[in-house]
Structure formats: structure tokens, C-alpha cells
Amino acid sequence: MKVGLALGGGAIRGLAHIGVLKVIKKHQIPIDFIVGTSMGGAIGGLVAAGIDIEEIEEFVLNTPSYRFVDIGFHKNGIFAGNKIYAMLIHFLEQKGFGDIRIEDLKIPFRAVSVDLMKGNVFVFEEGSLVLAIRATTSVPGIFSPVHYQGKVLVDGGVLNNLPADLVREAGMNVVLAVDVEREHEEQEPRNLFEVVYRSFTIMTTVQRRTNLRYADVVFRPEVGHIFAFDISRTRECIEAGEREAQNRIHEVIALLN
């Protein structure tokens, strides 16, 4: 029985993935395949490399919030570098995995991005893990695209923000998905970043809903009320993921027995 995990995008809300993965580990549920988009790609890539989920949590919680903020302007995006994700990449490099390739990871892994040149999904199945994470987390209009093999790559959420379909296509018997987006935010965006990101998530809603049908269990942490780039809510997101997984882990165990 092979278990695959689809981790969706959601900026800061995506840190709820950490809480879900902690519970999965606690119940000794083996993960045979991970596909991630955006923050799901960043967290999933670290886990696939063999970094313990508690170590990732400790790093995120102990990094001062000001280190995640890097406001600047660039011709292709508001931020010249997506620093919250860059910090996770730095952590990966600190652990000695800076030059690791996707095909050499402990857990088979895929990162979803979108090629602006061709207008289609591009899935990293091999090559640099760091590059794949940079590409899948490059939110259009906010972070600069990644140039790779003649492609101009941005956040995979543009076309596939919850890649449960790719997990099923990989032949997994049980597909677990973590959905950290909300249907719609009925509160006014606080700044330009929120306007851009809100518009982005509205566009991805239909595809996200469609992909949920490929999942056997969908974890939906209660993080929809948290603004996408509210760094101060990091711990709250992780705890929400943990609560949701504790409440639904029996469904996973039932599928495996």
C-alpha cells in the first residue's frame, strides 16, 4: 500500500503543512511520494530530502520575523527575492543539502511550477531541489520568475495549486491532500501584496476544487482567516495543521488497515 501526499500552496498558511506532517510522523504513517506547490513545494522538498519535520518547525518558529521581510521592487515583481522561501532554502543548505538533486531524495518528490513562455504546467522531476523550490514559490507579480532551460517559471498554483492529481497519476494507492486555501476571503486586502495574492487565489479556485476528487483524505486546517503574508501567525498556522490532522488521522489509519 503506497501513500502519496499532495501539499498545496497558501503562503504563510502553508506552514500548516508542518503540523499535519508532525501528526503523520507521530502515527508512523509512511509517505512514499510527495508533490508540492508553492509553500507545499518548499515544505515537501525539505521533508523529501530527509530533514526531520520537528527540525523544520523549530527553524521556522525560531527565525525572527524581520528576517522574512524583504521589501523591494524589481522589474518582474514587487520583491526581488522571496525571502520567506529563501530562508527555507537557506535552512536546506545549512543541513548540507544545498546541491542535492531531486532524483537523489529519500522520498520521491515533484515540485509544480508554470512556464510563462508556453503557458503550461512544468513539473520538476529531476535536477536541483533548490531551483525547483525557488520556481514553485515564485508568486506572479510578487516574486521574480525563475529562468530555467528556456522557460520562465512561476508558482505552480497558477494552474495547479493542489496537485493531488499528480499523486494519483504516480500510482499511489492512498492519496492524502492538505488544502490550506479558503474559498474566498470576505475581508478587505490590507496592502498591494494582498490584492495581488487574493486575485491569484481566486483564479486558482476551480482547479483546486477539481483536484480534490483525486484525494482519499483531505486535511483542511482552519487558516483561512489568516492573511497570506502575515508572518506573525506562523505558530498559529502550524498548530491549526496539527489539530486538523489529529481530528482526521483515523481516516488515514482506516484506509491502511
C-alpha atoms as a PDB file:
ATOM      1  CA  MET A   1       0.000   0.000   0.000  1.00  0.00           C
ATOM      2  CA  LYS A   2       1.678   3.178  -1.207  1.00  0.00           C
ATOM      3  CA  VAL A   3       0.782   6.540   0.334  1.00  0.00           C
ATOM      4  CA  GLY A   4       1.247   9.812  -1.539  1.00  0.00           C
ATOM      5  CA  LEU A   5       0.977  13.337  -0.232  1.00  0.00           C
ATOM      6  CA  ALA A   6      -0.170  16.479  -2.068  1.00  0.00           C
ATOM      7  CA  LEU A   7       0.748  19.751  -0.364  1.00  0.00           C
ATOM      8  CA  GLY A   8      -0.987  22.854  -1.656  1.00  0.00           C
ATOM      9  CA  GLY A   9       0.068  26.476  -1.880  1.00  0.00           C
ATOM     10  CA  GLY A  10      -1.028  29.182   0.512  1.00  0.00           C
ATOM     11  CA  ALA A  11       1.937  31.371   1.525  1.00  0.00           C
ATOM     12  CA  ILE A  12       2.103  31.642   5.337  1.00  0.00           C
ATOM     13  CA  ARG A  13      -0.991  29.439   5.649  1.00  0.00           C
ATOM     14  CA  GLY A  14       1.079  26.696   4.039  1.00  0.00           C
ATOM     15  CA  LEU A  15       3.072  26.379   7.247  1.00  0.00           C
ATOM     16  CA  ALA A  16       0.077  24.349   8.445  1.00  0.00           C
ATOM     17  CA  HIS A  17       1.688  21.540   6.432  1.00  0.00           C
ATOM     18  CA  ILE A  18       4.246  21.280   9.223  1.00  0.00           C
ATOM     19  CA  GLY A  19       1.538  20.481  11.779  1.00  0.00           C
ATOM     20  CA  VAL A  20      -0.071  17.885   9.521  1.00  0.00           C
ATOM     21  CA  LEU A  21       3.266  16.193   8.853  1.00  0.00           C
ATOM     22  CA  LYS A  22       4.054  16.079  12.565  1.00  0.00           C
ATOM     23  CA  VAL A  23       0.893  14.052  13.187  1.00  0.00           C
ATOM     24  CA  ILE A  24       1.548  11.765  10.219  1.00  0.00           C
ATOM     25  CA  LYS A  25       5.015  11.078  11.603  1.00  0.00           C
ATOM     26  CA  LYS A  26       3.666  10.527  15.124  1.00  0.00           C
ATOM     27  CA  HIS A  27       1.352   7.800  13.834  1.00  0.00           C
ATOM     28  CA  GLN A  28       4.194   6.240  11.826  1.00  0.00           C
ATOM     29  CA  ILE A  29       2.395   6.527   8.524  1.00  0.00           C
ATOM     30  CA  PRO A  30       4.971   6.053   5.749  1.00  0.00           C
ATOM     31  CA  ILE A  31       4.981   8.568   2.895  1.00  0.00           C
ATOM     32  CA  ASP A  32       6.094   7.117  -0.426  1.00  0.00           C
ATOM     33  CA  PHE A  33       5.671  10.142  -2.691  1.00  0.00           C
ATOM     34  CA  ILE A  34       5.277  13.917  -2.254  1.00  0.00           C
ATOM     35  CA  VAL A  35       4.082  16.534  -4.726  1.00  0.00           C
ATOM     36  CA  GLY A  36       4.023  20.162  -3.666  1.00  0.00           C
ATOM     37  CA  THR A  37       3.075  23.568  -4.984  1.00  0.00           C
ATOM     38  CA  SER A  38       4.393  26.859  -3.603  1.00  0.00           C
ATOM     39  CA  MET A  39       4.769  26.599   0.199  1.00  0.00           C
ATOM     40  CA  GLY A  40       3.722  22.963  -0.149  1.00  0.00           C
ATOM     41  CA  GLY A  41       6.653  22.504  -2.516  1.00  0.00           C
ATOM     42  CA  ALA A  42       9.059  24.160  -0.095  1.00  0.00           C
ATOM     43  CA  ILE A  43       7.982  22.134   2.953  1.00  0.00           C
ATOM     44  CA  GLY A  44       7.579  18.951   0.921  1.00  0.00           C
ATOM     45  CA  GLY A  45      11.043  19.327  -0.569  1.00  0.00           C
ATOM     46  CA  LEU A  46      12.663  19.672   2.841  1.00  0.00           C
ATOM     47  CA  VAL A  47      10.873  16.573   4.104  1.00  0.00           C
ATOM     48  CA  ALA A  48      11.707  14.591   0.968  1.00  0.00           C
ATOM     49  CA  ALA A  49      15.371  15.466   1.493  1.00  0.00           C
ATOM     50  CA  GLY A  50      15.221  13.722   4.857  1.00  0.00           C
ATOM     51  CA  ILE A  51      15.035  16.719   7.200  1.00  0.00           C
ATOM     52  CA  ASP A  52      13.011  15.932  10.307  1.00  0.00           C
ATOM     53  CA  ILE A  53       9.705  17.811  10.495  1.00  0.00           C
ATOM     54  CA  GLU A  54      10.397  18.933  14.079  1.00  0.00           C
ATOM     55  CA  GLU A  55      13.655  20.494  12.908  1.00  0.00           C
ATOM     56  CA  ILE A  56      11.786  22.412  10.225  1.00  0.00           C
ATOM     57  CA  GLU A  57       9.263  23.595  12.804  1.00  0.00           C
ATOM     58  CA  GLU A  58      11.996  24.718  15.180  1.00  0.00           C
ATOM     59  CA  PHE A  59      13.752  26.660  12.437  1.00  0.00           C
ATOM     60  CA  VAL A  60      10.568  28.441  11.341  1.00  0.00           C
ATOM     61  CA  LEU A  61       9.497  29.328  14.882  1.00  0.00           C
ATOM     62  CA  ASN A  62      12.931  30.497  15.980  1.00  0.00           C
ATOM     63  CA  THR A  63      13.714  32.668  12.962  1.00  0.00           C
ATOM     64  CA  PRO A  64      12.949  36.334  13.792  1.00  0.00           C
ATOM     65  CA  SER A  65      10.052  37.582  11.676  1.00  0.00           C
ATOM     66  CA  TYR A  66      12.027  40.576  10.378  1.00  0.00           C
ATOM     67  CA  ARG A  67      14.343  38.170   8.575  1.00  0.00           C
ATOM     68  CA  PHE A  68      11.407  37.024   6.437  1.00  0.00           C
ATOM     69  CA  VAL A  69      10.673  40.563   5.216  1.00  0.00           C
ATOM     70  CA  ASP A  70      12.489  41.786   2.120  1.00  0.00           C
ATOM     71  CA  ILE A  71      10.501  44.602   0.512  1.00  0.00           C
ATOM     72  CA  GLY A  72      11.892  45.934  -2.720  1.00  0.00           C
ATOM     73  CA  PHE A  73      10.998  46.489  -6.346  1.00  0.00           C
ATOM     74  CA  HIS A  74      12.189  44.582  -9.358  1.00  0.00           C
ATOM     75  CA  LYS A  75      11.157  44.765 -12.997  1.00  0.00           C
ATOM     76  CA  ASN A  76       9.440  41.366 -12.754  1.00  0.00           C
ATOM     77  CA  GLY A  77       7.981  41.541  -9.250  1.00  0.00           C
ATOM     78  CA  ILE A  78       7.430  43.571  -6.123  1.00  0.00           C
ATOM     79  CA  PHE A  79      10.099  41.582  -4.292  1.00  0.00           C
ATOM     80  CA  ALA A  80      13.470  40.950  -5.909  1.00  0.00           C
ATOM     81  CA  GLY A  81      13.685  37.790  -3.804  1.00  0.00           C
ATOM     82  CA  ASN A  82      11.017  35.782  -1.997  1.00  0.00           C
ATOM     83  CA  LYS A  83      12.737  35.905   1.364  1.00  0.00           C
ATOM     84  CA  ILE A  84      10.404  33.683   3.393  1.00  0.00           C
ATOM     85  CA  TYR A  85      11.097  30.888   0.942  1.00  0.00           C
ATOM     86  CA  ALA A  86      14.730  31.891   0.645  1.00  0.00           C
ATOM     87  CA  MET A  87      15.069  31.315   4.382  1.00  0.00           C
ATOM     88  CA  LEU A  88      13.763  27.766   3.957  1.00  0.00           C
ATOM     89  CA  ILE A  89      16.231  27.216   1.130  1.00  0.00           C
ATOM     90  CA  HIS A  90      18.994  28.572   3.374  1.00  0.00           C
ATOM     91  CA  PHE A  91      17.937  26.058   6.016  1.00  0.00           C
ATOM     92  CA  LEU A  92      18.165  23.286   3.422  1.00  0.00           C
ATOM     93  CA  GLU A  93      21.692  24.416   2.584  1.00  0.00           C
ATOM     94  CA  GLN A  94      22.626  24.624   6.283  1.00  0.00           C
ATOM     95  CA  LYS A  95      21.680  20.968   6.616  1.00  0.00           C
ATOM     96  CA  GLY A  96      24.101  20.079   3.821  1.00  0.00           C
ATOM     97  CA  PHE A  97      21.532  19.585   1.048  1.00  0.00           C
ATOM     98  CA  GLY A  98      22.250  22.716  -0.977  1.00  0.00           C
ATOM     99  CA  ASP A  99      23.308  20.840  -4.116  1.00  0.00           C
ATOM    100  CA  ILE A 100      21.060  17.806  -3.741  1.00  0.00           C
ATOM    101  CA  ARG A 101      19.146  16.660  -6.804  1.00  0.00           C
ATOM    102  CA  ILE A 102      15.504  15.661  -6.827  1.00  0.00           C
ATOM    103  CA  GLU A 103      16.296  12.206  -8.174  1.00  0.00           C
ATOM    104  CA  ASP A 104      18.517  11.568  -5.138  1.00  0.00           C
ATOM    105  CA  LEU A 105      15.985  12.474  -2.433  1.00  0.00           C
ATOM    106  CA  LYS A 106      14.986   9.969   0.259  1.00  0.00           C
ATOM    107  CA  ILE A 107      11.323  10.300  -0.703  1.00  0.00           C
ATOM    108  CA  PRO A 108      10.357  10.668  -4.390  1.00  0.00           C
ATOM    109  CA  PHE A 109       9.334  14.306  -4.882  1.00  0.00           C
ATOM    110  CA  ARG A 110       7.851  16.608  -7.518  1.00  0.00           C
ATOM    111  CA  ALA A 111       7.515  20.404  -7.463  1.00  0.00           C
ATOM    112  CA  VAL A 112       4.876  22.109  -9.586  1.00  0.00           C
ATOM    113  CA  SER A 113       5.571  25.331 -11.474  1.00  0.00           C
ATOM    114  CA  VAL A 114       4.135  27.075 -14.532  1.00  0.00           C
ATOM    115  CA  ASP A 115       6.060  28.136 -17.636  1.00  0.00           C
ATOM    116  CA  LEU A 116       5.003  31.618 -18.731  1.00  0.00           C
ATOM    117  CA  MET A 117       6.564  31.055 -22.161  1.00  0.00           C
ATOM    118  CA  LYS A 118       4.411  28.048 -23.091  1.00  0.00           C
ATOM    119  CA  GLY A 119       1.520  28.703 -20.716  1.00  0.00           C
ATOM    120  CA  ASN A 120       1.559  25.213 -19.247  1.00  0.00           C
ATOM    121  CA  VAL A 121       2.478  23.296 -16.112  1.00  0.00           C
ATOM    122  CA  PHE A 122       6.099  22.314 -15.659  1.00  0.00           C
ATOM    123  CA  VAL A 123       6.813  19.675 -13.036  1.00  0.00           C
ATOM    124  CA  PHE A 124      10.320  19.315 -11.647  1.00  0.00           C
ATOM    125  CA  GLU A 125      11.064  15.582 -11.644  1.00  0.00           C
ATOM    126  CA  GLU A 126      14.839  15.896 -11.606  1.00  0.00           C
ATOM    127  CA  GLY A 127      17.566  18.453 -11.194  1.00  0.00           C
ATOM    128  CA  SER A 128      18.328  20.916  -8.415  1.00  0.00           C
ATOM    129  CA  LEU A 129      15.923  20.812  -5.467  1.00  0.00           C
ATOM    130  CA  VAL A 130      16.815  24.395  -4.549  1.00  0.00           C
ATOM    131  CA  LEU A 131      15.954  25.604  -8.047  1.00  0.00           C
ATOM    132  CA  ALA A 132      12.669  23.687  -8.004  1.00  0.00           C
ATOM    133  CA  ILE A 133      11.665  25.272  -4.699  1.00  0.00           C
ATOM    134  CA  ARG A 134      12.557  28.733  -5.979  1.00  0.00           C
ATOM    135  CA  ALA A 135      10.402  28.188  -9.069  1.00  0.00           C
ATOM    136  CA  THR A 136       7.350  26.732  -7.342  1.00  0.00           C
ATOM    137  CA  THR A 137       7.293  29.581  -4.797  1.00  0.00           C
ATOM    138  CA  SER A 138       7.595  32.470  -7.280  1.00  0.00           C
ATOM    139  CA  VAL A 139       4.133  34.025  -6.898  1.00  0.00           C
ATOM    140  CA  PRO A 140       3.413  36.063 -10.083  1.00  0.00           C
ATOM    141  CA  GLY A 141       3.649  39.805  -9.634  1.00  0.00           C
ATOM    142  CA  ILE A 142       5.149  39.461  -6.167  1.00  0.00           C
ATOM    143  CA  PHE A 143       8.306  37.408  -6.671  1.00  0.00           C
ATOM    144  CA  SER A 144      10.615  37.282  -9.669  1.00  0.00           C
ATOM    145  CA  PRO A 145      10.239  34.321 -12.089  1.00  0.00           C
ATOM    146  CA  VAL A 146      12.931  31.656 -12.368  1.00  0.00           C
ATOM    147  CA  HIS A 147      14.649  31.166 -15.728  1.00  0.00           C
ATOM    148  CA  TYR A 148      15.443  27.524 -16.450  1.00  0.00           C
ATOM    149  CA  GLN A 149      16.123  25.695 -19.732  1.00  0.00           C
ATOM    150  CA  GLY A 150      14.497  28.428 -21.800  1.00  0.00           C
ATOM    151  CA  LYS A 151      11.468  28.546 -19.522  1.00  0.00           C
ATOM    152  CA  VAL A 152      10.213  31.400 -17.360  1.00  0.00           C
ATOM    153  CA  LEU A 153       8.816  29.658 -14.297  1.00  0.00           C
ATOM    154  CA  VAL A 154       6.418  30.908 -11.648  1.00  0.00           C
ATOM    155  CA  ASP A 155       4.358  29.478  -8.797  1.00  0.00           C
ATOM    156  CA  GLY A 156       2.602  26.277  -9.858  1.00  0.00           C
ATOM    157  CA  GLY A 157      -0.579  27.488  -8.197  1.00  0.00           C
ATOM    158  CA  VAL A 158      -1.395  29.427 -11.352  1.00  0.00           C
ATOM    159  CA  LEU A 159      -2.612  26.156 -12.894  1.00  0.00           C
ATOM    160  CA  ASN A 160      -2.383  23.514 -10.149  1.00  0.00           C
ATOM    161  CA  ASN A 161      -2.401  24.720  -6.562  1.00  0.00           C
ATOM    162  CA  LEU A 162      -3.302  21.342  -5.032  1.00  0.00           C
ATOM    163  CA  PRO A 163      -1.585  18.619  -7.097  1.00  0.00           C
ATOM    164  CA  ALA A 164      -3.473  15.564  -5.840  1.00  0.00           C
ATOM    165  CA  ASP A 165      -3.957  14.534  -9.484  1.00  0.00           C
ATOM    166  CA  LEU A 166      -0.206  14.135  -9.924  1.00  0.00           C
ATOM    167  CA  VAL A 167      -0.001  11.949  -6.827  1.00  0.00           C
ATOM    168  CA  ARG A 168      -2.738   9.680  -8.173  1.00  0.00           C
ATOM    169  CA  GLU A 169      -1.077   9.554 -11.604  1.00  0.00           C
ATOM    170  CA  ALA A 170       2.107   8.350  -9.907  1.00  0.00           C
ATOM    171  CA  GLY A 171       0.271   5.173  -8.894  1.00  0.00           C
ATOM    172  CA  MET A 172      -0.262   5.825  -5.197  1.00  0.00           C
ATOM    173  CA  ASN A 173      -2.944   3.659  -3.562  1.00  0.00           C
ATOM    174  CA  VAL A 174      -3.817   6.259  -0.944  1.00  0.00           C
ATOM    175  CA  VAL A 175      -3.698   9.985  -1.700  1.00  0.00           C
ATOM    176  CA  LEU A 176      -3.606  12.490   1.157  1.00  0.00           C
ATOM    177  CA  ALA A 177      -4.042  16.188   0.379  1.00  0.00           C
ATOM    178  CA  VAL A 178      -3.536  19.258   2.533  1.00  0.00           C
ATOM    179  CA  ASP A 179      -5.660  22.209   1.406  1.00  0.00           C
ATOM    180  CA  VAL A 180      -4.642  25.466   3.099  1.00  0.00           C
ATOM    181  CA  GLU A 181      -6.577  27.909   0.940  1.00  0.00           C
ATOM    182  CA  ARG A 182     -10.070  29.194   1.660  1.00  0.00           C
ATOM    183  CA  GLU A 183     -12.925  29.525  -0.796  1.00  0.00           C
ATOM    184  CA  HIS A 184     -12.994  33.307  -0.549  1.00  0.00           C
ATOM    185  CA  GLU A 185     -11.795  35.908   1.909  1.00  0.00           C
ATOM    186  CA  GLU A 186     -14.561  38.279   2.928  1.00  0.00           C
ATOM    187  CA  GLN A 187     -12.221  40.915   4.301  1.00  0.00           C
ATOM    188  CA  GLU A 188     -10.574  43.797   2.542  1.00  0.00           C
ATOM    189  CA  PRO A 189      -6.967  43.268   1.411  1.00  0.00           C
ATOM    190  CA  ARG A 190      -4.614  45.287   3.600  1.00  0.00           C
ATOM    191  CA  ASN A 191      -1.971  46.144   1.005  1.00  0.00           C
ATOM    192  CA  LEU A 192      -0.842  45.668  -2.571  1.00  0.00           C
ATOM    193  CA  PHE A 193       0.648  42.266  -1.827  1.00  0.00           C
ATOM    194  CA  GLU A 194      -2.694  41.040  -0.508  1.00  0.00           C
ATOM    195  CA  VAL A 195      -4.527  42.413  -3.580  1.00  0.00           C
ATOM    196  CA  VAL A 196      -2.225  40.545  -5.945  1.00  0.00           C
ATOM    197  CA  TYR A 197      -2.268  37.319  -3.959  1.00  0.00           C
ATOM    198  CA  ARG A 198      -6.062  37.410  -3.458  1.00  0.00           C
ATOM    199  CA  SER A 199      -6.583  37.820  -7.193  1.00  0.00           C
ATOM    200  CA  PHE A 200      -4.192  34.926  -7.781  1.00  0.00           C
ATOM    201  CA  THR A 201      -6.021  32.559  -5.416  1.00  0.00           C
ATOM    202  CA  ILE A 202      -9.448  33.397  -6.861  1.00  0.00           C
ATOM    203  CA  MET A 203      -8.180  32.360 -10.287  1.00  0.00           C
ATOM    204  CA  THR A 204      -6.960  29.013  -8.952  1.00  0.00           C
ATOM    205  CA  THR A 205     -10.124  28.032  -7.067  1.00  0.00           C
ATOM    206  CA  VAL A 206     -11.822  25.944  -9.775  1.00  0.00           C
ATOM    207  CA  GLN A 207      -8.778  23.779 -10.492  1.00  0.00           C
ATOM    208  CA  ARG A 208      -8.149  23.285  -6.785  1.00  0.00           C
ATOM    209  CA  ARG A 209     -11.701  22.062  -6.231  1.00  0.00           C
ATOM    210  CA  THR A 210     -11.426  19.719  -9.216  1.00  0.00           C
ATOM    211  CA  ASN A 211      -8.231  18.140  -7.916  1.00  0.00           C
ATOM    212  CA  LEU A 212      -9.762  17.355  -4.537  1.00  0.00           C
ATOM    213  CA  ARG A 213     -11.615  14.447  -6.137  1.00  0.00           C
ATOM    214  CA  TYR A 214      -8.312  12.615  -6.530  1.00  0.00           C
ATOM    215  CA  ALA A 215      -7.675  12.603  -2.773  1.00  0.00           C
ATOM    216  CA  ASP A 216      -8.851   9.904  -0.370  1.00  0.00           C
ATOM    217  CA  VAL A 217      -8.417  12.172   2.660  1.00  0.00           C
ATOM    218  CA  VAL A 218      -8.284  15.972   2.560  1.00  0.00           C
ATOM    219  CA  PHE A 219      -6.906  17.857   5.538  1.00  0.00           C
ATOM    220  CA  ARG A 220      -8.280  21.413   5.747  1.00  0.00           C
ATOM    221  CA  PRO A 221      -6.548  23.304   8.563  1.00  0.00           C
ATOM    222  CA  GLU A 222      -8.505  26.334   9.759  1.00  0.00           C
ATOM    223  CA  VAL A 223      -6.165  29.011   8.460  1.00  0.00           C
ATOM    224  CA  GLY A 224      -8.428  30.805   6.002  1.00  0.00           C
ATOM    225  CA  HIS A 225      -8.804  33.803   8.297  1.00  0.00           C
ATOM    226  CA  ILE A 226      -5.055  34.437   8.295  1.00  0.00           C
ATOM    227  CA  PHE A 227      -3.686  36.901   5.755  1.00  0.00           C
ATOM    228  CA  ALA A 228      -1.388  35.197   3.282  1.00  0.00           C
ATOM    229  CA  PHE A 229       1.747  37.101   4.293  1.00  0.00           C
ATOM    230  CA  ASP A 230       1.114  37.635   7.997  1.00  0.00           C
ATOM    231  CA  ILE A 231       4.410  36.363   9.419  1.00  0.00           C
ATOM    232  CA  SER A 232       3.188  36.885  12.989  1.00  0.00           C
ATOM    233  CA  ARG A 233       0.721  33.979  12.646  1.00  0.00           C
ATOM    234  CA  THR A 234       3.335  31.294  11.933  1.00  0.00           C
ATOM    235  CA  ARG A 235       2.777  29.314  15.134  1.00  0.00           C
ATOM    236  CA  GLU A 236      -0.998  29.559  14.734  1.00  0.00           C
ATOM    237  CA  CYS A 237      -0.778  28.031  11.248  1.00  0.00           C
ATOM    238  CA  ILE A 238       1.345  25.117  12.447  1.00  0.00           C
ATOM    239  CA  GLU A 239      -0.999  24.432  15.358  1.00  0.00           C
ATOM    240  CA  ALA A 240      -4.036  24.546  13.058  1.00  0.00           C
ATOM    241  CA  GLY A 241      -2.455  21.892  10.856  1.00  0.00           C
ATOM    242  CA  GLU A 242      -1.738  19.725  13.855  1.00  0.00           C
ATOM    243  CA  ARG A 243      -5.326  19.986  15.156  1.00  0.00           C
ATOM    244  CA  GLU A 244      -6.838  19.142  11.790  1.00  0.00           C
ATOM    245  CA  ALA A 245      -4.584  16.126  11.320  1.00  0.00           C
ATOM    246  CA  GLN A 246      -5.315  14.833  14.840  1.00  0.00           C
ATOM    247  CA  ASN A 247      -9.040  15.060  14.083  1.00  0.00           C
ATOM    248  CA  ARG A 248      -8.803  13.156  10.796  1.00  0.00           C
ATOM    249  CA  ILE A 249      -5.856  10.818  11.142  1.00  0.00           C
ATOM    250  CA  HIS A 250      -8.250   7.957  11.961  1.00  0.00           C
ATOM    251  CA  GLU A 251      -9.495   8.138   8.361  1.00  0.00           C
ATOM    252  CA  VAL A 252      -5.973   7.534   7.098  1.00  0.00           C
ATOM    253  CA  ILE A 253      -5.375   4.669   9.504  1.00  0.00           C
ATOM    254  CA  ALA A 254      -8.650   3.053   8.419  1.00  0.00           C
ATOM    255  CA  LEU A 255      -7.571   3.173   4.763  1.00  0.00           C
ATOM    256  CA  LEU A 256      -4.276   1.484   5.572  1.00  0.00           C
ATOM    257  CA  ASN A 257      -5.725  -1.333   7.676  1.00  0.00           C
END
